[in-house]
Amino acid sequence: MLLQKASELPTVETALPGRDAPLATDQNHFVLGHALKGPHPEGFETAVFGMGCFWGVERVFWKLPGVWVTSAGYAGGITPNPTYEEVCSGRTGHTEVVQVVFDPKQIAYGDLLKAFWENHDPTQGMRQGNDRGTQYRSAIYTTNAAQQAEAEASRDAYQAALTAAGQGAITTEIEPAGPYYFAEDYHQGYLAKNPAGYCGIGGTGVVCPIGLGVDLGVEA
């Protein structure tokens, strides 16, 4: 039953009710210093990625030049303003994600996609490494039609490379972004606040099962 709950998404009828009020979270990014919720500079864009444990995912993206601010949150599900414990229960439908606000004049969306594919294994379904559950599924939530098209094209390019290498099928969910809910304050910038903290993403843990050789039209 535990494995079943960990691998199946809830329905509207079975999802937790959540709450109207958002959770308390940080005001400013712990590393970059910019406001998590904005306002952000004019012309900046937003991207949302789920790659497993959001602690390490956030660190992957805040290190990239051209990224203005990142935050850990929940998306892709049903329950409004969920808590971490509720998301971990498997009854919200959400996955752990990182919202990335970036300057497209300094870093292209394709560069973010490259970081996405190469810092986790997108073939694992409802888990990432030893982290199991629907909240660890791979996902790209797009904020406009151009992002949707580019994300789908990048998936096809990586799938071709995976197939050629004898690897499995990509299970990444690629959908237009719905509501994004900021995670609790202690999750924001977690690995900067807790240098000894562990996350299998973006360090020595799970990475894409192919190494190099996928051309997304961006510089390596």
C-alpha atoms as a PDB file:
ATOM      1  CA  MET A   1       0.000   0.000   0.000  1.00  0.00           C
ATOM      2  CA  LEU A   2       2.839   2.418   0.763  1.00  0.00           C
ATOM      3  CA  LEU A   3       4.402   1.796  -2.638  1.00  0.00           C
ATOM      4  CA  GLN A   4       1.003   2.234  -4.276  1.00  0.00           C
ATOM      5  CA  LYS A   5       0.444   5.566  -2.509  1.00  0.00           C
ATOM      6  CA  ALA A   6       3.925   6.694  -3.463  1.00  0.00           C
ATOM      7  CA  SER A   7       3.357   6.033  -7.154  1.00  0.00           C
ATOM      8  CA  GLU A   8      -0.237   7.184  -7.732  1.00  0.00           C
ATOM      9  CA  LEU A   9      -1.527  10.750  -7.962  1.00  0.00           C
ATOM     10  CA  PRO A  10      -4.676  11.692  -6.013  1.00  0.00           C
ATOM     11  CA  THR A  11      -7.905  12.837  -7.621  1.00  0.00           C
ATOM     12  CA  VAL A  12      -9.784  16.032  -6.807  1.00  0.00           C
ATOM     13  CA  GLU A  13     -11.979  13.918  -4.537  1.00  0.00           C
ATOM     14  CA  THR A  14      -9.104  12.278  -2.635  1.00  0.00           C
ATOM     15  CA  ALA A  15      -6.661  15.213  -2.458  1.00  0.00           C
ATOM     16  CA  LEU A  16      -6.127  17.079   0.803  1.00  0.00           C
ATOM     17  CA  PRO A  17      -8.136  20.336   1.124  1.00  0.00           C
ATOM     18  CA  GLY A  18      -5.188  22.621   1.871  1.00  0.00           C
ATOM     19  CA  ARG A  19      -5.808  26.214   2.975  1.00  0.00           C
ATOM     20  CA  ASP A  20      -6.559  29.676   1.661  1.00  0.00           C
ATOM     21  CA  ALA A  21      -3.589  31.456   3.250  1.00  0.00           C
ATOM     22  CA  PRO A  22      -0.066  30.998   1.842  1.00  0.00           C
ATOM     23  CA  LEU A  23       2.653  29.537   4.062  1.00  0.00           C
ATOM     24  CA  ALA A  24       5.204  31.758   5.776  1.00  0.00           C
ATOM     25  CA  THR A  25       8.368  31.898   3.704  1.00  0.00           C
ATOM     26  CA  ASP A  26      11.545  33.955   3.334  1.00  0.00           C
ATOM     27  CA  GLN A  27      11.208  37.472   1.955  1.00  0.00           C
ATOM     28  CA  ASN A  28      14.613  37.554   0.245  1.00  0.00           C
ATOM     29  CA  HIS A  29      16.852  34.929  -1.288  1.00  0.00           C
ATOM     30  CA  PHE A  30      19.430  33.748   1.233  1.00  0.00           C
ATOM     31  CA  VAL A  31      22.281  33.775  -1.329  1.00  0.00           C
ATOM     32  CA  LEU A  32      21.260  36.198  -4.083  1.00  0.00           C
ATOM     33  CA  GLY A  33      19.523  38.731  -1.830  1.00  0.00           C
ATOM     34  CA  HIS A  34      16.650  39.514  -4.202  1.00  0.00           C
ATOM     35  CA  ALA A  35      12.981  39.391  -3.222  1.00  0.00           C
ATOM     36  CA  LEU A  36      11.538  35.895  -3.626  1.00  0.00           C
ATOM     37  CA  LYS A  37       8.095  37.137  -4.644  1.00  0.00           C
ATOM     38  CA  GLY A  38       9.196  40.216  -6.573  1.00  0.00           C
ATOM     39  CA  PRO A  39       8.714  42.643  -8.021  1.00  0.00           C
ATOM     40  CA  HIS A  40      11.315  41.473 -10.512  1.00  0.00           C
ATOM     41  CA  PRO A  41      12.988  43.609 -13.183  1.00  0.00           C
ATOM     42  CA  GLU A  42      11.007  44.271 -16.334  1.00  0.00           C
ATOM     43  CA  GLY A  43      11.641  41.791 -19.123  1.00  0.00           C
ATOM     44  CA  PHE A  44      12.715  38.950 -16.840  1.00  0.00           C
ATOM     45  CA  GLU A  45      11.113  35.525 -17.316  1.00  0.00           C
ATOM     46  CA  THR A  46      10.105  32.675 -15.024  1.00  0.00           C
ATOM     47  CA  ALA A  47      10.737  28.946 -15.389  1.00  0.00           C
ATOM     48  CA  VAL A  48       9.635  26.074 -13.129  1.00  0.00           C
ATOM     49  CA  PHE A  49      11.449  22.729 -12.824  1.00  0.00           C
ATOM     50  CA  GLY A  50      10.915  19.566 -10.778  1.00  0.00           C
ATOM     51  CA  MET A  51      13.966  17.302 -10.504  1.00  0.00           C
ATOM     52  CA  GLY A  52      13.549  15.533  -7.184  1.00  0.00           C
ATOM     53  CA  CYS A  53      14.671  17.012  -3.848  1.00  0.00           C
ATOM     54  CA  PHE A  54      14.326  20.773  -4.288  1.00  0.00           C
ATOM     55  CA  TRP A  55      17.194  21.636  -1.943  1.00  0.00           C
ATOM     56  CA  GLY A  56      19.841  20.579  -4.443  1.00  0.00           C
ATOM     57  CA  VAL A  57      17.827  21.689  -7.454  1.00  0.00           C
ATOM     58  CA  GLU A  58      17.645  25.242  -6.161  1.00  0.00           C
ATOM     59  CA  ARG A  59      21.433  25.327  -5.710  1.00  0.00           C
ATOM     60  CA  VAL A  60      21.961  24.127  -9.296  1.00  0.00           C
ATOM     61  CA  PHE A  61      20.036  27.122 -10.625  1.00  0.00           C
ATOM     62  CA  TRP A  62      21.080  29.903  -8.249  1.00  0.00           C
ATOM     63  CA  LYS A  63      24.686  29.328  -9.351  1.00  0.00           C
ATOM     64  CA  LEU A  64      23.937  30.058 -13.006  1.00  0.00           C
ATOM     65  CA  PRO A  65      24.848  33.522 -14.329  1.00  0.00           C
ATOM     66  CA  GLY A  66      21.775  35.448 -15.399  1.00  0.00           C
ATOM     67  CA  VAL A  67      19.520  33.894 -12.769  1.00  0.00           C
ATOM     68  CA  TRP A  68      17.978  36.672 -10.655  1.00  0.00           C
ATOM     69  CA  VAL A  69      16.304  34.620  -7.926  1.00  0.00           C
ATOM     70  CA  THR A  70      15.244  31.048  -7.185  1.00  0.00           C
ATOM     71  CA  SER A  71      12.786  29.593  -4.721  1.00  0.00           C
ATOM     72  CA  ALA A  72      11.676  26.170  -3.543  1.00  0.00           C
ATOM     73  CA  GLY A  73       8.004  25.373  -3.882  1.00  0.00           C
ATOM     74  CA  TYR A  74       5.229  23.005  -4.866  1.00  0.00           C
ATOM     75  CA  ALA A  75       3.401  22.735  -8.196  1.00  0.00           C
ATOM     76  CA  GLY A  76       1.590  20.382 -10.539  1.00  0.00           C
ATOM     77  CA  GLY A  77      -1.009  19.238  -8.049  1.00  0.00           C
ATOM     78  CA  ILE A  78      -4.391  19.988  -6.543  1.00  0.00           C
ATOM     79  CA  THR A  79      -4.093  21.064  -2.890  1.00  0.00           C
ATOM     80  CA  PRO A  80      -3.808  24.863  -2.398  1.00  0.00           C
ATOM     81  CA  ASN A  81      -0.979  26.154  -0.194  1.00  0.00           C
ATOM     82  CA  PRO A  82       0.187  22.708   0.925  1.00  0.00           C
ATOM     83  CA  THR A  83       2.656  22.065   3.718  1.00  0.00           C
ATOM     84  CA  TYR A  84       5.770  19.968   3.225  1.00  0.00           C
ATOM     85  CA  GLU A  85       4.258  17.184   5.308  1.00  0.00           C
ATOM     86  CA  GLU A  86       1.112  17.195   3.160  1.00  0.00           C
ATOM     87  CA  VAL A  87       3.134  17.029  -0.053  1.00  0.00           C
ATOM     88  CA  CYS A  88       5.150  14.129   1.367  1.00  0.00           C
ATOM     89  CA  SER A  89       1.927  12.259   2.115  1.00  0.00           C
ATOM     90  CA  GLY A  90       1.300  11.866  -1.606  1.00  0.00           C
ATOM     91  CA  ARG A  91      -2.188  13.336  -1.243  1.00  0.00           C
ATOM     92  CA  THR A  92      -1.686  16.768  -2.800  1.00  0.00           C
ATOM     93  CA  GLY A  93      -0.595  15.817  -6.309  1.00  0.00           C
ATOM     94  CA  HIS A  94       2.249  18.332  -6.138  1.00  0.00           C
ATOM     95  CA  THR A  95       5.882  17.713  -6.930  1.00  0.00           C
ATOM     96  CA  GLU A  96       8.804  19.559  -5.357  1.00  0.00           C
ATOM     97  CA  VAL A  97       9.852  22.286  -7.788  1.00  0.00           C
ATOM     98  CA  VAL A  98      12.131  25.281  -8.081  1.00  0.00           C
ATOM     99  CA  GLN A  99      10.953  28.540  -9.587  1.00  0.00           C
ATOM    100  CA  VAL A 100      13.706  30.333 -11.523  1.00  0.00           C
ATOM    101  CA  VAL A 101      13.465  34.028 -12.409  1.00  0.00           C
ATOM    102  CA  PHE A 102      16.062  34.873 -15.050  1.00  0.00           C
ATOM    103  CA  ASP A 103      17.252  37.578 -17.401  1.00  0.00           C
ATOM    104  CA  PRO A 104      16.837  36.203 -20.950  1.00  0.00           C
ATOM    105  CA  LYS A 105      19.459  38.691 -22.159  1.00  0.00           C
ATOM    106  CA  GLN A 106      22.059  36.946 -19.988  1.00  0.00           C
ATOM    107  CA  ILE A 107      20.916  33.317 -19.995  1.00  0.00           C
ATOM    108  CA  ALA A 108      18.668  31.549 -22.474  1.00  0.00           C
ATOM    109  CA  TYR A 109      15.830  29.236 -21.507  1.00  0.00           C
ATOM    110  CA  GLY A 110      17.756  26.556 -23.406  1.00  0.00           C
ATOM    111  CA  ASP A 111      20.619  26.898 -20.930  1.00  0.00           C
ATOM    112  CA  LEU A 112      18.187  26.260 -18.088  1.00  0.00           C
ATOM    113  CA  LEU A 113      16.842  23.200 -19.904  1.00  0.00           C
ATOM    114  CA  LYS A 114      20.393  21.905 -20.316  1.00  0.00           C
ATOM    115  CA  ALA A 115      20.942  22.242 -16.557  1.00  0.00           C
ATOM    116  CA  PHE A 116      17.617  20.504 -15.961  1.00  0.00           C
ATOM    117  CA  TRP A 117      18.331  17.432 -18.074  1.00  0.00           C
ATOM    118  CA  GLU A 118      21.946  17.018 -16.975  1.00  0.00           C
ATOM    119  CA  ASN A 119      21.447  17.262 -13.204  1.00  0.00           C
ATOM    120  CA  HIS A 120      18.920  14.498 -12.636  1.00  0.00           C
ATOM    121  CA  ASP A 121      17.711  11.229 -14.151  1.00  0.00           C
ATOM    122  CA  PRO A 122      14.476  11.950 -16.064  1.00  0.00           C
ATOM    123  CA  THR A 123      13.627   8.275 -16.637  1.00  0.00           C
ATOM    124  CA  GLN A 124      12.675   7.221 -13.116  1.00  0.00           C
ATOM    125  CA  GLY A 125       8.958   7.961 -12.906  1.00  0.00           C
ATOM    126  CA  MET A 126       7.672   8.686  -9.414  1.00  0.00           C
ATOM    127  CA  ARG A 127      11.068   8.863  -7.763  1.00  0.00           C
ATOM    128  CA  GLN A 128      14.568  10.291  -8.004  1.00  0.00           C
ATOM    129  CA  GLY A 129      17.266   7.975  -6.775  1.00  0.00           C
ATOM    130  CA  ASN A 130      16.444   6.808  -3.267  1.00  0.00           C
ATOM    131  CA  ASP A 131      13.739   9.468  -2.895  1.00  0.00           C
ATOM    132  CA  ARG A 132      10.461   7.783  -3.762  1.00  0.00           C
ATOM    133  CA  GLY A 133       7.014   9.296  -4.196  1.00  0.00           C
ATOM    134  CA  THR A 134       4.966  11.412  -6.553  1.00  0.00           C
ATOM    135  CA  GLN A 135       6.541  14.552  -5.054  1.00  0.00           C
ATOM    136  CA  TYR A 136       9.894  13.592  -6.591  1.00  0.00           C
ATOM    137  CA  ARG A 137       8.723  13.184 -10.186  1.00  0.00           C
ATOM    138  CA  SER A 138      10.494  14.999 -12.999  1.00  0.00           C
ATOM    139  CA  ALA A 139       8.572  17.968 -14.397  1.00  0.00           C
ATOM    140  CA  ILE A 140       8.856  21.104 -16.501  1.00  0.00           C
ATOM    141  CA  TYR A 141       6.058  23.625 -16.048  1.00  0.00           C
ATOM    142  CA  THR A 142       6.144  26.204 -18.814  1.00  0.00           C
ATOM    143  CA  THR A 143       5.033  29.824 -18.585  1.00  0.00           C
ATOM    144  CA  ASN A 144       4.432  30.516 -22.277  1.00  0.00           C
ATOM    145  CA  ALA A 145       4.039  28.761 -25.622  1.00  0.00           C
ATOM    146  CA  ALA A 146       7.677  29.313 -26.604  1.00  0.00           C
ATOM    147  CA  GLN A 147       8.886  27.560 -23.440  1.00  0.00           C
ATOM    148  CA  GLN A 148       6.479  24.674 -24.058  1.00  0.00           C
ATOM    149  CA  ALA A 149       7.776  24.143 -27.584  1.00  0.00           C
ATOM    150  CA  GLU A 150      11.422  24.414 -26.537  1.00  0.00           C
ATOM    151  CA  ALA A 151      10.950  22.055 -23.588  1.00  0.00           C
ATOM    152  CA  GLU A 152       9.300  19.426 -25.786  1.00  0.00           C
ATOM    153  CA  ALA A 153      12.037  19.731 -28.416  1.00  0.00           C
ATOM    154  CA  SER A 154      14.734  19.350 -25.762  1.00  0.00           C
ATOM    155  CA  ARG A 155      13.002  16.257 -24.385  1.00  0.00           C
ATOM    156  CA  ASP A 156      12.990  14.707 -27.855  1.00  0.00           C
ATOM    157  CA  ALA A 157      16.710  15.469 -28.287  1.00  0.00           C
ATOM    158  CA  TYR A 158      17.601  13.891 -24.953  1.00  0.00           C
ATOM    159  CA  GLN A 159      15.350  10.910 -25.596  1.00  0.00           C
ATOM    160  CA  ALA A 160      17.180  10.236 -28.853  1.00  0.00           C
ATOM    161  CA  ALA A 161      20.491  10.274 -26.971  1.00  0.00           C
ATOM    162  CA  LEU A 162      19.123   8.031 -24.217  1.00  0.00           C
ATOM    163  CA  THR A 163      17.739   5.549 -26.729  1.00  0.00           C
ATOM    164  CA  ALA A 164      21.040   5.452 -28.581  1.00  0.00           C
ATOM    165  CA  ALA A 165      22.767   4.733 -25.264  1.00  0.00           C
ATOM    166  CA  GLY A 166      20.378   1.901 -24.477  1.00  0.00           C
ATOM    167  CA  GLN A 167      18.643   3.806 -21.674  1.00  0.00           C
ATOM    168  CA  GLY A 168      14.958   4.020 -20.840  1.00  0.00           C
ATOM    169  CA  ALA A 169      12.117   6.372 -21.694  1.00  0.00           C
ATOM    170  CA  ILE A 170      11.891   9.888 -20.299  1.00  0.00           C
ATOM    171  CA  THR A 171       8.997  10.244 -17.857  1.00  0.00           C
ATOM    172  CA  THR A 172       9.233  14.026 -17.422  1.00  0.00           C
ATOM    173  CA  GLU A 173       5.891  15.797 -17.198  1.00  0.00           C
ATOM    174  CA  ILE A 174       5.840  18.878 -19.481  1.00  0.00           C
ATOM    175  CA  GLU A 175       2.760  21.026 -18.965  1.00  0.00           C
ATOM    176  CA  PRO A 176       1.738  24.707 -18.867  1.00  0.00           C
ATOM    177  CA  ALA A 177       2.359  26.025 -15.363  1.00  0.00           C
ATOM    178  CA  GLY A 178      -0.535  26.144 -12.940  1.00  0.00           C
ATOM    179  CA  PRO A 179      -0.404  27.672  -9.456  1.00  0.00           C
ATOM    180  CA  TYR A 180       2.996  27.792  -7.770  1.00  0.00           C
ATOM    181  CA  TYR A 181       3.114  27.639  -3.973  1.00  0.00           C
ATOM    182  CA  PHE A 182       6.218  28.813  -2.090  1.00  0.00           C
ATOM    183  CA  ALA A 183       7.609  26.250   0.338  1.00  0.00           C
ATOM    184  CA  GLU A 184       8.177  27.025   3.991  1.00  0.00           C
ATOM    185  CA  ASP A 185      10.976  29.389   4.998  1.00  0.00           C
ATOM    186  CA  TYR A 186      13.338  26.644   6.170  1.00  0.00           C
ATOM    187  CA  HIS A 187      13.386  25.100   2.686  1.00  0.00           C
ATOM    188  CA  GLN A 188      14.510  28.298   0.942  1.00  0.00           C
ATOM    189  CA  GLY A 189      18.250  28.308   0.211  1.00  0.00           C
ATOM    190  CA  TYR A 190      18.477  25.183   2.359  1.00  0.00           C
ATOM    191  CA  LEU A 191      21.951  24.028   1.337  1.00  0.00           C
ATOM    192  CA  ALA A 192      23.383  27.515   1.853  1.00  0.00           C
ATOM    193  CA  LYS A 193      21.785  27.763   5.301  1.00  0.00           C
ATOM    194  CA  ASN A 194      22.888  24.194   6.092  1.00  0.00           C
ATOM    195  CA  PRO A 195      26.286  23.614   4.411  1.00  0.00           C
ATOM    196  CA  ALA A 196      26.487  20.091   5.837  1.00  0.00           C
ATOM    197  CA  GLY A 197      23.039  19.217   4.522  1.00  0.00           C
ATOM    198  CA  TYR A 198      22.673  16.444   1.966  1.00  0.00           C
ATOM    199  CA  CYS A 199      20.679  16.279  -1.236  1.00  0.00           C
ATOM    200  CA  GLY A 200      21.253  13.795  -4.057  1.00  0.00           C
ATOM    201  CA  ILE A 201      20.613  16.429  -6.732  1.00  0.00           C
ATOM    202  CA  GLY A 202      23.316  18.750  -8.013  1.00  0.00           C
ATOM    203  CA  GLY A 203      26.130  17.175  -6.055  1.00  0.00           C
ATOM    204  CA  THR A 204      27.459  13.630  -6.136  1.00  0.00           C
ATOM    205  CA  GLY A 205      24.031  12.010  -6.306  1.00  0.00           C
ATOM    206  CA  VAL A 206      21.657  11.214  -9.149  1.00  0.00           C
ATOM    207  CA  VAL A 207      22.492  12.622 -12.577  1.00  0.00           C
ATOM    208  CA  CYS A 208      21.231  12.052 -16.088  1.00  0.00           C
ATOM    209  CA  PRO A 209      22.261   8.538 -17.215  1.00  0.00           C
ATOM    210  CA  ILE A 210      23.915  10.012 -20.298  1.00  0.00           C
ATOM    211  CA  GLY A 211      26.919  12.242 -20.046  1.00  0.00           C
ATOM    212  CA  LEU A 212      27.473  14.618 -22.947  1.00  0.00           C
ATOM    213  CA  GLY A 213      26.678  15.040 -26.594  1.00  0.00           C
ATOM    214  CA  VAL A 214      23.159  16.536 -26.675  1.00  0.00           C
ATOM    215  CA  ASP A 215      22.976  19.714 -28.696  1.00  0.00           C
ATOM    216  CA  LEU A 216      20.167  22.041 -27.608  1.00  0.00           C
ATOM    217  CA  GLY A 217      21.529  24.956 -29.591  1.00  0.00           C
ATOM    218  CA  VAL A 218      23.183  26.534 -26.537  1.00  0.00           C
ATOM    219  CA  GLU A 219      26.806  26.786 -25.533  1.00  0.00           C
ATOM    220  CA  ALA A 220      28.113  24.098 -23.194  1.00  0.00           C
END
